[in-house]
Amino acid sequence: MSIVVIDPVSSGITYLAAAQHLGIDLYVFSADEGERQLSHDLRTKAKQVIKIDTTDFESQFVKLSELGQIDAILPGVEYAVPMASRLGAASGKIHLNSNAVQWVRNKFNFRERLTETGLSHISYLQLHVGQEIDVPDNFPFPAIVKPVDMAGSINVRKVNNREELTEAVEAIWCLMPNDVGFTTSGSIIVEEYISGKEYSVEGIVHRDNNITIASITEKILGSEPYFIEIGHIVGRHYDDAFRTVVTDYAQAVIHSIGLNIGAFHLELRVTPEGNPVAIELAARLPGDNIVELIKQANGIDLAAATLCEYLHLNYQIFNHQTPPHSASVSAIAFIPRGQHKFFGSLHGLDEFINRPEYFSHHLYVKPGDTLGCAEDWTSRIGYVMFVSRDEILMRSLVKLVHEKVKIV
């Protein structure tokens, strides 16, 4: 069996090892440059890496015909979701339906759909580049400003009044952010701030429209007004009432959006009153190494399970309707850049690498590199991951990494 993955980046690269393990031939369509350039190790796992313009439908469709029997086409990054769906439809393969694509790839459309179906009750509006910043007098503050089409919390900001809103919107329009070769359209959603603890829900939609939940992932966020994720905890032992409320809501959101196949990553907040409210939904594998955290906590390989679902293969362990009660808890602590603008060396990491709970780490930078901005995920210079049966210890280790691992 053979598949194509378009621009595997971040979690998308986990498809390569999963396909190799399953004995599936995996072809990569990629610009193969910059952030999308694959390492030598990853290339050895692919049947072939094909350098191609992944925004060009015709050239990719022709290449699919040349390759012959391709059984599925999957997005390897958020921005490839529409193209994977379009190519799948044109090739007669199972694919994410077009309505769902429009709702997951546009945050305004997503909020509008949830409001129509009674799953969201917050205020929101859309602003278009080049038009007047027109916000009704009664719009509630604080509010969140963000592009409708970017991923990775890029240019997401909390604003407390009209002046801050105008400043944030004009900054986005001036910058017109670009990520992994994708540039925003300039459309912006302004929506009422949702108070409460933040989580994500990960899982898969099966061919028969049943939904399996693999994880409720606790988010550890940096300080506002930016929403930088500085840690995740998977396998936490939630009480049954909380698990039911969150998973029932997640399934309702997914059904309302019409996801019909594959992995999903739903971000939400649970208000102080205990009500979940969706933030956004991605029709892809979760990033930030959550795929690996889930595997460590409960043994579910979400990348392999997704491939099996697309290819109509059996994945025995993957039969949970709610997140499994994990024997272990896994965690990732991202290392912040602090106030530094350049990377020299790192102090304090060895202490954590030598712990029995440690299982992986990675630095994104090398000495002399200019560091990213302090306002989004590029402020993180690396990570360290742990697994243990002790949930309190996991939480403590994440906190200690943030306190002790520093650039010098």
Protein backbone atom coordinates (compact mmCIF):
# COMPACT_ATOMS: atom_id res chain seq x y z
CA MET A 1 0.00 0.00 0.00
CA SER A 2 1.15 3.54 -0.77
CA ILE A 3 0.37 7.00 0.58
CA VAL A 4 1.39 10.58 -0.07
CA VAL A 5 1.99 13.06 2.77
CA ILE A 6 2.09 16.72 1.80
CA ASP A 7 4.75 18.82 3.56
CA PRO A 8 5.41 16.74 6.69
CA VAL A 9 6.42 19.28 9.34
CA SER A 10 6.22 19.03 13.14
CA SER A 11 3.80 16.20 13.94
CA GLY A 12 3.51 15.35 10.24
CA ILE A 13 6.94 13.74 10.34
CA THR A 14 5.58 11.03 12.68
CA TYR A 15 3.82 9.53 9.66
CA LEU A 16 7.20 8.48 8.25
CA ALA A 17 8.16 6.20 11.13
CA ALA A 18 4.58 4.90 11.41
CA ALA A 19 4.45 4.03 7.70
CA GLN A 20 7.82 2.31 7.88
CA HIS A 21 6.65 0.26 10.88
CA LEU A 22 3.42 -0.72 9.09
CA GLY A 23 5.21 -1.63 5.84
CA ILE A 24 3.52 1.18 3.88
CA ASP A 25 5.28 3.01 1.06
CA LEU A 26 5.23 6.72 1.90
CA TYR A 27 5.90 9.39 -0.73
CA VAL A 28 6.58 12.93 0.41
CA PHE A 29 5.42 15.95 -1.60
CA SER A 30 7.43 18.88 -0.28
CA ALA A 31 9.03 22.19 -1.09
CA ASP A 32 11.96 20.52 0.71
CA GLU A 33 13.57 23.78 1.77
CA GLY A 34 13.69 25.93 4.91
CA GLU A 35 11.39 24.60 7.62
CA ARG A 36 10.09 21.99 5.19
CA GLN A 37 13.48 20.44 4.42
CA LEU A 38 13.68 16.86 5.65
CA SER A 39 16.65 15.48 7.56
CA HIS A 40 18.72 12.57 6.26
CA ASP A 41 17.18 10.26 8.87
CA LEU A 42 13.64 11.14 7.80
CA ARG A 43 14.49 10.68 4.13
CA THR A 44 15.55 7.09 4.80
CA LYS A 45 12.03 6.35 6.04
CA ALA A 46 10.32 7.62 2.88
CA LYS A 47 9.91 5.70 -0.36
CA GLN A 48 10.71 8.93 -2.18
CA VAL A 49 10.88 12.65 -1.40
CA ILE A 50 9.48 14.57 -4.34
CA LYS A 51 10.36 18.26 -4.50
CA ILE A 52 7.28 20.02 -5.80
CA ASP A 53 5.23 23.19 -5.38
CA THR A 54 2.74 22.04 -2.75
CA THR A 55 0.46 24.99 -3.50
CA ASP A 56 0.07 23.89 -7.14
CA PHE A 57 -2.83 21.47 -7.56
CA GLU A 58 -2.15 20.58 -11.20
CA SER A 59 1.50 19.62 -10.79
CA GLN A 60 0.70 17.45 -7.78
CA PHE A 61 -2.24 15.80 -9.52
CA VAL A 62 -0.02 14.95 -12.49
CA LYS A 63 2.64 13.53 -10.17
CA LEU A 64 0.03 11.37 -8.42
CA SER A 65 -0.93 9.92 -11.81
CA GLU A 66 2.72 9.20 -12.59
CA LEU A 67 3.21 7.39 -9.27
CA GLY A 68 0.35 5.02 -10.03
CA GLN A 69 -1.58 3.36 -7.22
CA ILE A 70 -1.71 5.78 -4.29
CA ASP A 71 -4.20 4.73 -1.63
CA ALA A 72 -4.43 7.91 0.44
CA ILE A 73 -3.26 11.54 0.55
CA LEU A 74 -2.69 13.15 3.95
CA PRO A 75 -1.71 16.62 5.12
CA GLY A 76 1.62 16.79 6.93
CA VAL A 77 1.02 20.31 8.22
CA GLU A 78 -1.96 22.54 8.99
CA TYR A 79 -1.65 24.52 5.77
CA ALA A 80 -1.78 21.36 3.62
CA VAL A 81 -5.24 20.32 4.86
CA PRO A 82 -7.17 21.93 1.94
CA MET A 83 -4.80 20.58 -0.72
CA ALA A 84 -4.86 17.03 0.67
CA SER A 85 -8.66 17.14 0.63
CA ARG A 86 -8.82 18.51 -2.91
CA LEU A 87 -6.31 16.01 -4.29
CA GLY A 88 -8.06 13.16 -2.48
CA ALA A 89 -11.39 14.13 -3.99
CA ALA A 90 -9.94 14.45 -7.49
CA SER A 91 -8.24 11.06 -7.15
CA GLY A 92 -11.33 9.28 -5.87
CA LYS A 93 -9.79 8.58 -2.45
CA ILE A 94 -11.33 9.03 0.98
CA HIS A 95 -10.77 12.64 2.02
CA LEU A 96 -11.88 15.34 4.41
CA ASN A 97 -15.08 16.84 3.05
CA SER A 98 -14.93 20.37 1.64
CA ASN A 99 -17.34 21.94 4.15
CA ALA A 100 -15.23 20.69 7.03
CA VAL A 101 -12.12 22.12 5.36
CA GLN A 102 -13.69 25.58 5.22
CA TRP A 103 -14.67 25.41 8.89
CA VAL A 104 -11.38 24.12 10.27
CA ARG A 105 -9.13 26.35 8.15
CA ASN A 106 -10.93 29.61 8.94
CA LYS A 107 -11.38 30.54 12.58
CA PHE A 108 -14.25 32.94 11.82
CA ASN A 109 -16.13 30.26 9.88
CA PHE A 110 -15.48 27.84 12.76
CA ARG A 111 -16.87 30.21 15.39
CA GLU A 112 -19.86 30.99 13.19
CA ARG A 113 -20.63 27.29 12.71
CA LEU A 114 -20.42 26.57 16.45
CA THR A 115 -22.66 29.54 17.21
CA GLU A 116 -25.24 28.32 14.69
CA THR A 117 -25.27 24.86 16.28
CA GLY A 118 -25.47 26.16 19.87
CA LEU A 119 -21.97 25.04 20.86
CA SER A 120 -20.59 28.53 21.36
CA HIS A 121 -22.18 31.65 22.83
CA ILE A 122 -19.33 34.16 22.86
CA SER A 123 -19.30 37.42 20.88
CA TYR A 124 -17.13 37.63 17.76
CA LEU A 125 -16.61 39.60 14.56
CA GLN A 126 -14.36 39.64 11.50
CA LEU A 127 -12.10 42.41 10.21
CA HIS A 128 -10.69 42.54 6.68
CA VAL A 129 -7.38 44.08 5.68
CA GLY A 130 -7.77 47.47 4.05
CA GLN A 131 -11.14 48.12 5.68
CA GLU A 132 -12.07 50.25 8.67
CA ILE A 133 -11.61 48.71 12.12
CA ASP A 134 -15.27 48.79 13.04
CA VAL A 135 -16.17 47.29 16.43
CA PRO A 136 -19.63 47.80 18.00
CA ASP A 137 -19.78 49.91 21.16
CA ASN A 138 -21.17 47.00 23.17
CA PHE A 139 -18.50 44.47 22.16
CA PRO A 140 -17.20 42.83 25.37
CA PHE A 141 -13.61 43.21 26.54
CA PRO A 142 -11.18 41.61 27.17
CA ALA A 143 -11.06 40.03 23.73
CA ILE A 144 -8.75 37.88 21.61
CA VAL A 145 -7.35 39.09 18.28
CA LYS A 146 -5.88 36.60 15.79
CA PRO A 147 -5.61 35.90 12.05
CA VAL A 148 -8.33 33.57 10.82
CA ASP A 149 -5.93 31.26 8.97
CA MET A 150 -2.63 30.92 10.86
CA ALA A 151 -1.50 28.04 13.08
CA GLY A 152 0.79 27.80 16.09
CA SER A 153 -0.81 30.70 18.02
CA ILE A 154 0.94 33.10 15.64
CA ASN A 155 -0.14 36.71 16.30
CA VAL A 156 -2.69 35.66 18.92
CA ARG A 157 -3.08 38.41 21.50
CA LYS A 158 -5.39 39.34 24.36
CA VAL A 159 -6.55 42.95 24.26
CA ASN A 160 -8.30 44.84 27.07
CA ASN A 161 -9.74 47.82 25.22
CA ARG A 162 -10.27 49.40 21.79
CA GLU A 163 -6.86 51.04 21.73
CA GLU A 164 -5.08 47.73 22.27
CA LEU A 165 -7.35 46.06 19.72
CA THR A 166 -6.50 48.65 17.07
CA GLU A 167 -2.80 48.31 17.81
CA ALA A 168 -2.91 44.51 17.55
CA VAL A 169 -4.91 44.50 14.31
CA GLU A 170 -2.69 47.08 12.63
CA ALA A 171 0.41 45.12 13.68
CA ILE A 172 -0.93 41.98 11.96
CA TRP A 173 -1.82 43.91 8.82
CA CYS A 174 1.62 45.52 8.77
CA LEU A 175 3.46 42.22 9.29
CA MET A 176 1.19 39.88 7.26
CA PRO A 177 2.69 36.84 9.04
CA ASN A 178 4.13 33.91 7.10
CA ASP A 179 4.59 30.39 8.46
CA VAL A 180 5.98 27.32 6.66
CA GLY A 181 5.52 29.05 3.32
CA PHE A 182 1.94 30.16 4.01
CA THR A 183 1.04 33.87 4.27
CA THR A 184 -2.11 35.04 6.01
CA SER A 185 -4.97 36.50 4.00
CA GLY A 186 -5.12 39.40 6.45
CA SER A 187 -8.61 38.57 7.71
CA ILE A 188 -8.80 38.75 11.49
CA ILE A 189 -11.23 37.39 14.04
CA VAL A 190 -11.93 39.31 17.23
CA GLU A 191 -13.70 37.21 19.82
CA GLU A 192 -14.69 37.48 23.43
CA TYR A 193 -12.05 36.20 25.86
CA ILE A 194 -12.86 32.78 27.33
CA SER A 195 -11.81 32.52 30.96
CA GLY A 196 -10.80 29.17 32.44
CA LYS A 197 -8.27 26.35 32.19
CA GLU A 198 -7.08 25.35 28.70
CA TYR A 199 -6.98 21.81 27.31
CA SER A 200 -6.82 20.05 23.98
CA VAL A 201 -8.63 16.89 22.94
CA GLU A 202 -6.93 14.52 20.51
CA GLY A 203 -8.26 11.55 18.65
CA ILE A 204 -9.48 10.18 15.36
CA VAL A 205 -12.67 10.13 13.29
CA HIS A 206 -13.35 6.70 11.83
CA ARG A 207 -14.77 5.89 8.41
CA ASP A 208 -18.12 5.02 10.05
CA ASN A 209 -18.21 8.52 11.71
CA ASN A 210 -17.54 7.12 15.17
CA ILE A 211 -15.04 9.13 17.18
CA THR A 212 -12.26 7.83 19.38
CA ILE A 213 -10.72 10.12 21.98
CA ALA A 214 -7.03 9.38 22.64
CA SER A 215 -6.23 12.15 25.11
CA ILE A 216 -7.37 15.15 27.08
CA THR A 217 -4.16 17.17 27.21
CA GLU A 218 -3.62 19.79 29.87
CA LYS A 219 -2.01 23.00 28.60
CA ILE A 220 0.53 25.00 30.55
CA LEU A 221 0.53 28.54 29.19
CA GLY A 222 2.94 31.42 29.47
CA SER A 223 1.87 34.83 30.67
CA GLU A 224 -0.75 36.89 28.87
CA PRO A 225 -1.37 38.77 26.60
CA TYR A 226 0.26 36.07 24.47
CA PHE A 227 -0.78 32.43 24.65
CA ILE A 228 2.52 30.59 24.27
CA GLU A 229 2.22 26.93 25.23
CA ILE A 230 5.19 26.20 27.50
CA GLY A 231 4.17 22.68 28.50
CA HIS A 232 1.69 19.83 28.06
CA ILE A 233 0.62 17.00 30.36
CA VAL A 234 -0.93 13.80 28.97
CA GLY A 235 -2.46 10.94 30.95
CA ARG A 236 -3.68 13.06 33.86
CA HIS A 237 -6.33 11.23 35.91
CA TYR A 238 -9.42 13.40 35.51
CA ASP A 239 -12.55 12.54 37.42
CA ASP A 240 -15.30 10.81 35.45
CA ALA A 241 -17.66 13.80 35.46
CA PHE A 242 -15.03 16.09 33.92
CA ARG A 243 -14.02 13.49 31.34
CA THR A 244 -17.63 13.00 30.30
CA VAL A 245 -18.39 16.72 29.97
CA VAL A 246 -15.26 17.41 27.92
CA THR A 247 -15.47 14.35 25.64
CA ASP A 248 -19.21 14.77 25.00
CA TYR A 249 -18.63 18.39 24.03
CA ALA A 250 -15.65 17.48 21.83
CA GLN A 251 -17.68 14.89 19.96
CA ALA A 252 -20.52 17.39 19.47
CA VAL A 253 -18.09 19.94 18.00
CA ILE A 254 -16.53 17.39 15.65
CA HIS A 255 -19.93 16.20 14.42
CA SER A 256 -21.11 19.79 13.90
CA ILE A 257 -18.05 20.58 11.79
CA GLY A 258 -18.50 17.38 9.82
CA LEU A 259 -15.06 15.85 10.20
CA ASN A 260 -15.37 12.52 8.42
CA ILE A 261 -11.89 10.99 8.52
CA GLY A 262 -8.58 11.16 10.30
CA ALA A 263 -6.86 12.78 13.25
CA PHE A 264 -8.10 15.88 15.04
CA HIS A 265 -6.77 18.34 17.61
CA LEU A 266 -9.43 20.40 19.40
CA GLU A 267 -8.37 23.27 21.64
CA LEU A 268 -10.84 24.41 24.28
CA ARG A 269 -11.20 26.09 27.63
CA VAL A 270 -13.31 24.95 30.56
CA THR A 271 -14.87 27.95 32.28
CA PRO A 272 -14.94 28.35 36.09
CA GLU A 273 -18.56 27.15 35.88
CA GLY A 274 -17.37 23.87 34.28
CA ASN A 275 -18.55 24.57 30.73
CA PRO A 276 -16.23 23.69 27.81
CA VAL A 277 -15.94 26.27 25.02
CA ALA A 278 -14.02 25.47 21.83
CA ILE A 279 -11.16 27.73 20.73
CA GLU A 280 -10.28 26.10 17.43
CA LEU A 281 -10.19 22.72 15.70
CA ALA A 282 -7.45 21.26 13.49
CA ALA A 283 -8.05 18.31 11.16
CA ARG A 284 -4.54 16.90 11.55
CA LEU A 285 -2.21 15.32 14.07
CA PRO A 286 -1.47 17.48 17.12
CA GLY A 287 1.85 19.30 17.16
CA ASP A 288 4.26 20.00 20.02
CA ASN A 289 5.19 16.29 20.34
CA ILE A 290 1.73 15.44 21.69
CA VAL A 291 1.72 12.39 19.41
CA GLU A 292 4.77 11.08 21.29
CA LEU A 293 3.36 12.07 24.69
CA ILE A 294 0.18 10.06 23.99
CA LYS A 295 2.26 7.06 22.91
CA GLN A 296 4.30 7.24 26.11
CA ALA A 297 1.26 7.66 28.37
CA ASN A 298 -1.14 5.07 26.98
CA GLY A 299 0.54 3.27 24.10
CA ILE A 300 -1.64 4.69 21.33
CA ASP A 301 0.29 5.68 18.20
CA LEU A 302 -2.00 8.32 16.74
CA ALA A 303 0.03 8.55 13.52
CA ALA A 304 -0.21 4.79 12.89
CA ALA A 305 -3.89 4.77 13.83
CA THR A 306 -4.61 7.57 11.35
CA LEU A 307 -2.81 5.76 8.54
CA CYS A 308 -4.73 2.57 9.33
CA GLU A 309 -8.04 4.45 9.23
CA TYR A 310 -7.30 6.01 5.84
CA LEU A 311 -6.15 2.64 4.48
CA HIS A 312 -8.95 0.62 6.09
CA LEU A 313 -6.51 -1.43 8.14
CA ASN A 314 -7.16 -2.70 11.64
CA TYR A 315 -5.55 -0.96 14.63
CA GLN A 316 -6.43 -3.19 17.58
CA ILE A 317 -5.66 -0.99 20.58
CA PHE A 318 -7.57 1.96 19.22
CA ASN A 319 -11.12 1.27 20.38
CA HIS A 320 -11.75 3.74 23.22
CA GLN A 321 -14.79 6.02 23.19
CA THR A 322 -13.28 8.13 25.97
CA PRO A 323 -9.61 8.68 26.83
CA PRO A 324 -8.13 5.53 28.36
CA HIS A 325 -7.17 5.64 32.04
CA SER A 326 -3.41 5.73 31.51
CA ALA A 327 -0.97 3.88 33.71
CA SER A 328 1.59 6.61 33.06
CA VAL A 329 1.64 10.38 32.79
CA SER A 330 3.88 12.07 30.23
CA ALA A 331 4.88 15.71 30.04
CA ILE A 332 6.84 18.13 27.91
CA ALA A 333 8.48 21.29 29.19
CA PHE A 334 9.49 23.84 26.58
CA ILE A 335 12.60 25.88 27.27
CA PRO A 336 11.93 29.62 26.93
CA ARG A 337 14.43 32.08 25.51
CA GLY A 338 13.83 34.56 28.32
CA GLN A 339 15.15 38.03 27.50
CA HIS A 340 18.01 36.77 25.32
CA LYS A 341 18.22 37.69 21.64
CA PHE A 342 21.03 35.27 20.74
CA PHE A 343 21.79 31.72 21.81
CA GLY A 344 25.10 30.98 23.49
CA SER A 345 24.92 27.91 25.70
CA LEU A 346 22.40 26.29 28.03
CA HIS A 347 22.72 25.82 31.77
CA GLY A 348 20.80 23.28 33.85
CA LEU A 349 19.60 20.80 31.23
CA ASP A 350 21.94 17.95 32.22
CA GLU A 351 20.26 17.70 35.63
CA PHE A 352 17.02 16.68 33.90
CA ILE A 353 18.56 14.47 31.20
CA ASN A 354 20.04 12.33 33.97
CA ARG A 355 16.72 11.78 35.73
CA PRO A 356 15.03 8.34 35.42
CA GLU A 357 11.81 10.00 34.17
CA TYR A 358 13.57 11.59 31.17
CA PHE A 359 13.05 10.09 27.71
CA SER A 360 13.82 12.78 25.13
CA HIS A 361 14.98 16.33 24.50
CA HIS A 362 15.80 18.53 21.56
CA LEU A 363 17.21 22.02 20.99
CA TYR A 364 16.02 24.00 17.99
CA VAL A 365 19.03 26.33 18.03
CA LYS A 366 22.82 26.25 18.01
CA PRO A 367 25.38 28.69 19.45
CA GLY A 368 25.29 32.04 17.71
CA ASP A 369 21.71 31.69 16.40
CA THR A 370 19.36 34.66 16.56
CA LEU A 371 16.36 33.74 18.70
CA GLY A 372 12.71 34.08 17.74
CA CYS A 373 10.28 36.69 18.95
CA ALA A 374 8.85 36.61 22.47
CA GLU A 375 5.24 36.56 21.26
CA ASP A 376 4.68 33.09 19.80
CA TRP A 377 6.05 29.53 19.70
CA THR A 378 9.35 30.71 18.20
CA SER A 379 10.25 32.02 21.69
CA ARG A 380 10.83 28.37 22.67
CA ILE A 381 14.38 27.17 22.08
CA GLY A 382 13.81 23.48 22.77
CA TYR A 383 12.14 20.97 25.03
CA VAL A 384 12.62 18.07 27.42
CA MET A 385 10.11 15.22 27.88
CA PHE A 386 9.39 12.96 30.84
CA VAL A 387 7.20 9.97 31.70
CA SER A 388 6.27 8.54 35.10
CA ARG A 389 3.40 7.03 37.04
CA ASP A 390 3.53 10.04 39.38
CA GLU A 391 1.39 12.92 38.08
CA ILE A 392 2.52 15.33 40.80
CA LEU A 393 6.15 14.64 39.91
CA MET A 394 5.48 15.33 36.22
CA ARG A 395 3.95 18.69 37.03
CA SER A 396 6.87 19.50 39.32
CA LEU A 397 9.47 18.61 36.69
CA VAL A 398 7.86 20.88 34.10
CA LYS A 399 7.94 23.76 36.58
CA LEU A 400 11.56 23.05 37.50
CA VAL A 401 12.67 23.05 33.85
CA HIS A 402 11.13 26.49 33.42
CA GLU A 403 12.90 27.72 36.53
CA LYS A 404 16.35 26.12 36.14
CA VAL A 405 17.17 25.68 32.45
CA LYS A 406 18.52 29.00 31.23
CA ILE A 407 20.56 30.50 28.41
CA VAL A 408 23.98 31.73 29.54
